Amino acid sequence: MTWWPAPGAGILDPQVNESVASAYDEGMRSLTVGAFRAAAVMFRSALHLFVKDKGSAKAQNERHLKSALKHMKNDGDLHRSLWDWADHLNQLGNEGAHPEDYDDVTEAEATGLDKFVRHLIRHEYEMPAQLLRDQGLLQE
């Protein structure tokens, strides 16, 4: 049985950057229909858009996502525990975008990327917003 929309899609906190949320939701829809390459590309896009939203000017101006992520790690804008996953997501997203150069993206890999991006969204957008709400500092 297939659920539509995909579980987890479309239920993000309103404080999540709109572009990040859109890319994540599209990745979830792709994952649900078995388009694993497309899912990997969209999850990588969500990561790229996260850099554009939360990274320093130096990270945002980097041409290559891997270099931008390194800047975020070194600047303290990307928790070190997320660095390895982010780098892995970047690589798998490249595999999805350039299938002629890489192996196919598997269901397990695409599902793992979903879990990572969802964790990143929770950590970087939803948890801080909820803490502000709990303190009465954010009204919606």
N, C-alpha and C. Protein backbone atom coordinates (compact mmCIF):
# COMPACT_ATOMS: atom_id res chain seq x y z
N MET A 1 0.83 -1.17 0.00
CA MET A 1 0.00 0.00 0.00
C MET A 1 0.89 1.24 0.00
N THR A 2 0.57 2.19 -0.81
CA THR A 2 1.31 3.44 -0.89
C THR A 2 0.48 4.56 -0.29
N TRP A 3 1.09 5.32 0.60
CA TRP A 3 0.43 6.46 1.22
C TRP A 3 0.78 7.72 0.45
N TRP A 4 -0.21 8.57 0.28
CA TRP A 4 0.04 9.84 -0.40
C TRP A 4 -0.63 10.95 0.35
N PRO A 5 0.01 12.01 0.69
CA PRO A 5 1.43 12.23 0.45
C PRO A 5 2.30 11.31 1.31
N ALA A 6 3.56 11.30 1.00
CA ALA A 6 4.50 10.44 1.72
C ALA A 6 4.50 10.79 3.20
N PRO A 7 4.62 9.79 4.07
CA PRO A 7 4.74 10.08 5.49
C PRO A 7 5.91 11.02 5.74
N GLY A 8 5.66 12.08 6.47
CA GLY A 8 6.71 13.04 6.76
C GLY A 8 6.74 14.22 5.81
N ALA A 9 6.11 14.11 4.67
CA ALA A 9 6.10 15.21 3.71
C ALA A 9 5.00 16.19 4.09
N GLY A 10 5.28 17.46 3.95
CA GLY A 10 4.26 18.47 4.14
C GLY A 10 3.91 18.78 5.58
N ILE A 11 4.63 18.25 6.55
CA ILE A 11 4.31 18.50 7.95
C ILE A 11 5.45 19.21 8.66
N LEU A 12 6.20 19.99 7.93
CA LEU A 12 7.33 20.68 8.53
C LEU A 12 6.86 21.94 9.24
N ASP A 13 7.63 22.33 10.24
CA ASP A 13 7.35 23.54 10.99
C ASP A 13 7.34 24.76 10.05
N PRO A 14 6.46 25.71 10.29
CA PRO A 14 6.42 26.91 9.43
C PRO A 14 7.72 27.71 9.44
N GLN A 15 8.57 27.49 10.44
CA GLN A 15 9.84 28.22 10.50
C GLN A 15 10.92 27.63 9.60
N VAL A 16 10.67 26.48 9.00
CA VAL A 16 11.63 25.89 8.07
C VAL A 16 11.66 26.76 6.82
N ASN A 17 12.84 27.07 6.37
CA ASN A 17 13.01 27.86 5.15
C ASN A 17 12.16 27.26 4.04
N GLU A 18 11.42 28.10 3.35
CA GLU A 18 10.47 27.62 2.34
C GLU A 18 11.14 26.82 1.23
N SER A 19 12.30 27.24 0.78
CA SER A 19 13.00 26.53 -0.29
C SER A 19 13.51 25.17 0.19
N VAL A 20 14.02 25.13 1.41
CA VAL A 20 14.49 23.87 1.99
C VAL A 20 13.31 22.91 2.12
N ALA A 21 12.19 23.40 2.64
CA ALA A 21 11.00 22.57 2.82
C ALA A 21 10.49 22.04 1.49
N SER A 22 10.49 22.88 0.48
CA SER A 22 10.01 22.47 -0.84
C SER A 22 10.87 21.37 -1.44
N ALA A 23 12.20 21.53 -1.35
CA ALA A 23 13.11 20.52 -1.87
C ALA A 23 12.96 19.21 -1.09
N TYR A 24 12.83 19.31 0.23
CA TYR A 24 12.65 18.11 1.04
C TYR A 24 11.35 17.39 0.68
N ASP A 25 10.26 18.15 0.56
CA ASP A 25 8.97 17.54 0.20
C ASP A 25 9.04 16.85 -1.16
N GLU A 26 9.70 17.48 -2.12
CA GLU A 26 9.84 16.85 -3.44
C GLU A 26 10.68 15.58 -3.35
N GLY A 27 11.71 15.61 -2.52
CA GLY A 27 12.51 14.41 -2.31
C GLY A 27 11.68 13.29 -1.70
N MET A 28 10.81 13.63 -0.76
CA MET A 28 9.93 12.63 -0.15
C MET A 28 8.96 12.05 -1.17
N ARG A 29 8.40 12.90 -2.02
CA ARG A 29 7.48 12.39 -3.05
C ARG A 29 8.22 11.46 -4.00
N SER A 30 9.45 11.83 -4.35
CA SER A 30 10.25 10.98 -5.24
C SER A 30 10.55 9.63 -4.58
N LEU A 31 10.91 9.68 -3.32
CA LEU A 31 11.21 8.46 -2.58
C LEU A 31 9.99 7.54 -2.54
N THR A 32 8.83 8.10 -2.31
CA THR A 32 7.61 7.32 -2.20
C THR A 32 7.27 6.56 -3.47
N VAL A 33 7.57 7.14 -4.63
CA VAL A 33 7.24 6.47 -5.89
C VAL A 33 8.40 5.65 -6.43
N GLY A 34 9.46 5.51 -5.65
CA GLY A 34 10.58 4.66 -6.05
C GLY A 34 11.58 5.34 -6.98
N ALA A 35 11.53 6.66 -7.06
CA ALA A 35 12.49 7.41 -7.89
C ALA A 35 13.66 7.82 -7.00
N PHE A 36 14.55 6.85 -6.74
CA PHE A 36 15.60 7.03 -5.75
C PHE A 36 16.66 8.04 -6.18
N ARG A 37 17.01 8.04 -7.46
CA ARG A 37 17.95 9.04 -7.96
C ARG A 37 17.38 10.44 -7.78
N ALA A 38 16.12 10.60 -8.17
CA ALA A 38 15.47 11.91 -8.04
C ALA A 38 15.41 12.33 -6.57
N ALA A 39 15.11 11.38 -5.69
CA ALA A 39 15.07 11.68 -4.26
C ALA A 39 16.43 12.17 -3.78
N ALA A 40 17.50 11.47 -4.19
CA ALA A 40 18.84 11.86 -3.77
C ALA A 40 19.19 13.27 -4.25
N VAL A 41 18.82 13.57 -5.47
CA VAL A 41 19.09 14.91 -6.02
C VAL A 41 18.33 15.97 -5.23
N MET A 42 17.06 15.70 -4.91
CA MET A 42 16.27 16.69 -4.17
C MET A 42 16.74 16.83 -2.73
N PHE A 43 17.16 15.75 -2.09
CA PHE A 43 17.69 15.87 -0.73
C PHE A 43 19.00 16.65 -0.75
N ARG A 44 19.82 16.44 -1.78
CA ARG A 44 21.04 17.23 -1.93
C ARG A 44 20.69 18.70 -2.15
N SER A 45 19.65 18.96 -2.94
CA SER A 45 19.20 20.34 -3.16
C SER A 45 18.77 20.97 -1.84
N ALA A 46 18.08 20.22 -1.00
CA ALA A 46 17.68 20.74 0.30
C ALA A 46 18.91 21.12 1.13
N LEU A 47 19.95 20.30 1.06
CA LEU A 47 21.19 20.60 1.77
C LEU A 47 21.83 21.87 1.20
N HIS A 48 21.87 21.99 -0.11
CA HIS A 48 22.43 23.18 -0.75
C HIS A 48 21.65 24.44 -0.33
N LEU A 49 20.34 24.34 -0.30
CA LEU A 49 19.51 25.48 0.09
C LEU A 49 19.67 25.80 1.58
N PHE A 50 19.92 24.78 2.39
CA PHE A 50 20.24 24.99 3.80
C PHE A 50 21.51 25.83 3.93
N VAL A 51 22.53 25.52 3.13
CA VAL A 51 23.77 26.29 3.16
C VAL A 51 23.48 27.74 2.79
N LYS A 52 22.67 27.95 1.77
CA LYS A 52 22.33 29.31 1.33
C LYS A 52 21.56 30.06 2.41
N ASP A 53 20.80 29.34 3.23
CA ASP A 53 20.01 29.98 4.28
C ASP A 53 20.81 30.19 5.57
N LYS A 54 21.58 29.21 5.97
CA LYS A 54 22.21 29.25 7.30
C LYS A 54 23.72 29.43 7.29
N GLY A 55 24.35 29.31 6.12
CA GLY A 55 25.81 29.39 6.07
C GLY A 55 26.31 30.82 6.12
N SER A 56 27.58 30.96 6.45
CA SER A 56 28.23 32.27 6.43
C SER A 56 28.32 32.76 4.98
N ALA A 57 28.66 34.02 4.80
CA ALA A 57 28.81 34.57 3.45
C ALA A 57 29.86 33.77 2.67
N LYS A 58 30.91 33.36 3.35
CA LYS A 58 31.96 32.58 2.70
C LYS A 58 31.40 31.23 2.21
N ALA A 59 30.62 30.57 3.05
CA ALA A 59 30.01 29.29 2.66
C ALA A 59 29.01 29.49 1.53
N GLN A 60 28.21 30.53 1.62
CA GLN A 60 27.19 30.79 0.60
C GLN A 60 27.79 31.09 -0.76
N ASN A 61 28.97 31.68 -0.77
CA ASN A 61 29.60 32.05 -2.03
C ASN A 61 30.45 30.96 -2.65
N GLU A 62 30.59 29.84 -1.94
CA GLU A 62 31.36 28.72 -2.48
C GLU A 62 30.66 28.13 -3.70
N ARG A 63 31.42 27.80 -4.70
CA ARG A 63 30.86 27.21 -5.92
C ARG A 63 30.49 25.74 -5.72
N HIS A 64 31.26 25.04 -4.90
CA HIS A 64 31.05 23.61 -4.68
C HIS A 64 30.46 23.37 -3.30
N LEU A 65 29.45 22.54 -3.25
CA LEU A 65 28.75 22.26 -2.00
C LEU A 65 29.71 21.68 -0.95
N LYS A 66 30.59 20.80 -1.35
CA LYS A 66 31.52 20.19 -0.39
C LYS A 66 32.35 21.26 0.31
N SER A 67 32.85 22.23 -0.45
CA SER A 67 33.63 23.32 0.15
C SER A 67 32.77 24.19 1.06
N ALA A 68 31.54 24.43 0.64
CA ALA A 68 30.62 25.23 1.47
C ALA A 68 30.36 24.53 2.80
N LEU A 69 30.15 23.22 2.74
CA LEU A 69 29.92 22.46 3.96
C LEU A 69 31.14 22.48 4.88
N LYS A 70 32.34 22.43 4.30
CA LYS A 70 33.55 22.52 5.11
C LYS A 70 33.62 23.86 5.82
N HIS A 71 33.26 24.95 5.11
CA HIS A 71 33.23 26.26 5.75
C HIS A 71 32.23 26.27 6.91
N MET A 72 31.06 25.70 6.68
CA MET A 72 30.05 25.67 7.74
C MET A 72 30.55 24.89 8.95
N LYS A 73 31.22 23.77 8.70
CA LYS A 73 31.77 22.97 9.79
C LYS A 73 32.82 23.79 10.54
N ASN A 74 33.74 24.39 9.81
CA ASN A 74 34.83 25.14 10.43
C ASN A 74 34.33 26.40 11.13
N ASP A 75 33.25 27.01 10.60
CA ASP A 75 32.67 28.22 11.20
C ASP A 75 31.79 27.90 12.41
N GLY A 76 31.50 26.61 12.62
CA GLY A 76 30.62 26.22 13.71
C GLY A 76 29.15 26.31 13.35
N ASP A 77 28.84 26.50 12.06
CA ASP A 77 27.45 26.60 11.61
C ASP A 77 26.85 25.24 11.29
N LEU A 78 27.67 24.21 11.22
CA LEU A 78 27.21 22.85 10.99
C LEU A 78 27.85 21.98 12.06
N HIS A 79 27.03 21.39 12.89
CA HIS A 79 27.55 20.57 13.98
C HIS A 79 28.45 19.47 13.41
N ARG A 80 29.56 19.25 14.06
CA ARG A 80 30.53 18.26 13.56
C ARG A 80 29.92 16.87 13.40
N SER A 81 28.95 16.53 14.23
CA SER A 81 28.32 15.21 14.11
C SER A 81 27.52 15.09 12.82
N LEU A 82 27.14 16.22 12.24
CA LEU A 82 26.38 16.22 10.99
C LEU A 82 27.28 16.28 9.76
N TRP A 83 28.54 16.61 9.96
CA TRP A 83 29.46 16.81 8.84
C TRP A 83 29.61 15.57 7.96
N ASP A 84 29.88 14.41 8.55
CA ASP A 84 30.07 13.20 7.75
C ASP A 84 28.82 12.87 6.94
N TRP A 85 27.66 12.99 7.58
CA TRP A 85 26.40 12.72 6.87
C TRP A 85 26.20 13.72 5.74
N ALA A 86 26.48 14.98 6.00
CA ALA A 86 26.30 16.00 4.97
C ALA A 86 27.20 15.73 3.77
N ASP A 87 28.43 15.34 4.04
CA ASP A 87 29.36 15.03 2.96
C ASP A 87 28.87 13.81 2.18
N HIS A 88 28.36 12.82 2.88
CA HIS A 88 27.83 11.61 2.24
C HIS A 88 26.61 11.96 1.38
N LEU A 89 25.74 12.80 1.90
CA LEU A 89 24.57 13.24 1.14
C LEU A 89 24.98 13.97 -0.13
N ASN A 90 25.98 14.81 -0.03
CA ASN A 90 26.48 15.51 -1.21
C ASN A 90 26.95 14.52 -2.27
N GLN A 91 27.69 13.50 -1.85
CA GLN A 91 28.19 12.49 -2.80
C GLN A 91 27.06 11.72 -3.45
N LEU A 92 26.09 11.27 -2.66
CA LEU A 92 24.97 10.51 -3.23
C LEU A 92 24.10 11.38 -4.12
N GLY A 93 23.96 12.64 -3.77
CA GLY A 93 23.23 13.56 -4.65
C GLY A 93 23.93 13.71 -5.98
N ASN A 94 25.25 13.74 -5.95
CA ASN A 94 26.01 13.79 -7.20
C ASN A 94 25.77 12.53 -8.02
N GLU A 95 25.70 11.39 -7.34
CA GLU A 95 25.45 10.14 -8.05
C GLU A 95 24.09 10.16 -8.73
N GLY A 96 23.11 10.74 -8.05
CA GLY A 96 21.78 10.84 -8.65
C GLY A 96 21.75 11.78 -9.84
N ALA A 97 22.50 12.87 -9.75
CA ALA A 97 22.51 13.87 -10.81
C ALA A 97 23.35 13.45 -12.00
N HIS A 98 24.33 12.58 -11.78
CA HIS A 98 25.25 12.17 -12.85
C HIS A 98 25.34 10.65 -12.90
N PRO A 99 24.24 9.98 -13.28
CA PRO A 99 24.23 8.51 -13.25
C PRO A 99 25.24 7.87 -14.20
N GLU A 100 25.67 8.61 -15.20
CA GLU A 100 26.65 8.05 -16.13
C GLU A 100 28.02 7.87 -15.48
N ASP A 101 28.26 8.60 -14.38
CA ASP A 101 29.56 8.55 -13.71
C ASP A 101 29.56 7.69 -12.45
N TYR A 102 28.38 7.29 -11.97
CA TYR A 102 28.28 6.61 -10.68
C TYR A 102 27.32 5.43 -10.77
N ASP A 103 27.28 4.65 -9.70
CA ASP A 103 26.29 3.58 -9.58
C ASP A 103 24.92 4.19 -9.28
N ASP A 104 23.87 3.39 -9.47
CA ASP A 104 22.53 3.84 -9.11
C ASP A 104 22.42 4.09 -7.62
N VAL A 105 21.51 4.97 -7.25
CA VAL A 105 21.19 5.21 -5.85
C VAL A 105 20.19 4.15 -5.43
N THR A 106 20.47 3.45 -4.35
CA THR A 106 19.58 2.38 -3.89
C THR A 106 18.47 2.95 -3.00
N GLU A 107 17.46 2.13 -2.78
CA GLU A 107 16.37 2.53 -1.88
C GLU A 107 16.92 2.80 -0.48
N ALA A 108 17.81 1.94 -0.01
CA ALA A 108 18.37 2.11 1.33
C ALA A 108 19.15 3.43 1.42
N GLU A 109 19.91 3.75 0.38
CA GLU A 109 20.66 5.00 0.39
C GLU A 109 19.72 6.21 0.39
N ALA A 110 18.70 6.17 -0.46
CA ALA A 110 17.75 7.28 -0.54
C ALA A 110 17.01 7.44 0.79
N THR A 111 16.63 6.34 1.41
CA THR A 111 15.95 6.39 2.71
C THR A 111 16.86 6.96 3.78
N GLY A 112 18.13 6.59 3.74
CA GLY A 112 19.11 7.15 4.67
C GLY A 112 19.27 8.64 4.49
N LEU A 113 19.25 9.09 3.25
CA LEU A 113 19.36 10.53 2.98
C LEU A 113 18.15 11.28 3.52
N ASP A 114 16.97 10.68 3.35
CA ASP A 114 15.75 11.28 3.92
C ASP A 114 15.91 11.45 5.42
N LYS A 115 16.36 10.42 6.09
CA LYS A 115 16.51 10.48 7.55
C LYS A 115 17.48 11.58 7.95
N PHE A 116 18.58 11.70 7.21
CA PHE A 116 19.55 12.73 7.54
C PHE A 116 18.96 14.12 7.35
N VAL A 117 18.35 14.38 6.19
CA VAL A 117 17.82 15.71 5.92
C VAL A 117 16.71 16.05 6.93
N ARG A 118 15.89 15.07 7.26
CA ARG A 118 14.84 15.32 8.26
C ARG A 118 15.45 15.67 9.59
N HIS A 119 16.53 14.98 9.97
CA HIS A 119 17.23 15.28 11.22
C HIS A 119 17.82 16.70 11.16
N LEU A 120 18.41 17.04 10.04
CA LEU A 120 18.99 18.38 9.87
C LEU A 120 17.90 19.45 10.02
N ILE A 121 16.75 19.22 9.41
CA ILE A 121 15.64 20.18 9.51
C ILE A 121 15.18 20.31 10.97
N ARG A 122 15.06 19.19 11.65
CA ARG A 122 14.66 19.23 13.07
C ARG A 122 15.67 20.01 13.89
N HIS A 123 16.95 19.69 13.69
CA HIS A 123 18.03 20.28 14.48
C HIS A 123 18.20 21.77 14.21
N GLU A 124 18.14 22.16 12.96
CA GLU A 124 18.48 23.53 12.58
C GLU A 124 17.29 24.49 12.49
N TYR A 125 16.09 23.98 12.34
CA TYR A 125 14.92 24.84 12.18
C TYR A 125 13.85 24.59 13.25
N GLU A 126 13.42 23.34 13.38
CA GLU A 126 12.24 23.06 14.20
C GLU A 126 12.52 23.13 15.70
N MET A 127 13.62 22.57 16.15
CA MET A 127 13.92 22.61 17.58
C MET A 127 14.15 24.04 18.07
N PRO A 128 14.94 24.86 17.37
CA PRO A 128 15.08 26.25 17.82
C PRO A 128 13.75 27.01 17.83
N ALA A 129 12.91 26.78 16.83
CA ALA A 129 11.61 27.45 16.78
C ALA A 129 10.74 27.01 17.96
N GLN A 130 10.74 25.71 18.26
CA GLN A 130 9.93 25.22 19.37
C GLN A 130 10.42 25.77 20.71
N LEU A 131 11.74 25.87 20.87
CA LEU A 131 12.27 26.46 22.10
C LEU A 131 11.83 27.91 22.25
N LEU A 132 11.86 28.67 21.17
CA LEU A 132 11.39 30.06 21.21
C LEU A 132 9.90 30.13 21.53
N ARG A 133 9.11 29.23 20.96
CA ARG A 133 7.67 29.19 21.27
C ARG A 133 7.45 28.88 22.75
N ASP A 134 8.19 27.91 23.26
CA ASP A 134 8.04 27.51 24.66
C ASP A 134 8.42 28.64 25.61
N GLN A 135 9.30 29.52 25.17
CA GLN A 135 9.71 30.67 25.99
C GLN A 135 8.81 31.88 25.76
N GLY A 136 7.84 31.72 24.85
CA GLY A 136 6.94 32.83 24.54
C GLY A 136 7.56 33.89 23.65
N LEU A 137 8.65 33.54 22.98
CA LEU A 137 9.36 34.51 22.15
C LEU A 137 9.01 34.42 20.67
N LEU A 138 8.23 33.41 20.30
CA LEU A 138 7.83 33.24 18.91
C LEU A 138 6.34 32.96 18.87
N GLN A 139 5.64 33.82 18.20
CA GLN A 139 4.19 33.67 18.05
C GLN A 139 3.89 33.35 16.60
N GLU A 140 2.89 32.49 16.38
CA GLU A 140 2.49 32.20 14.99
C GLU A 140 1.00 32.16 14.88
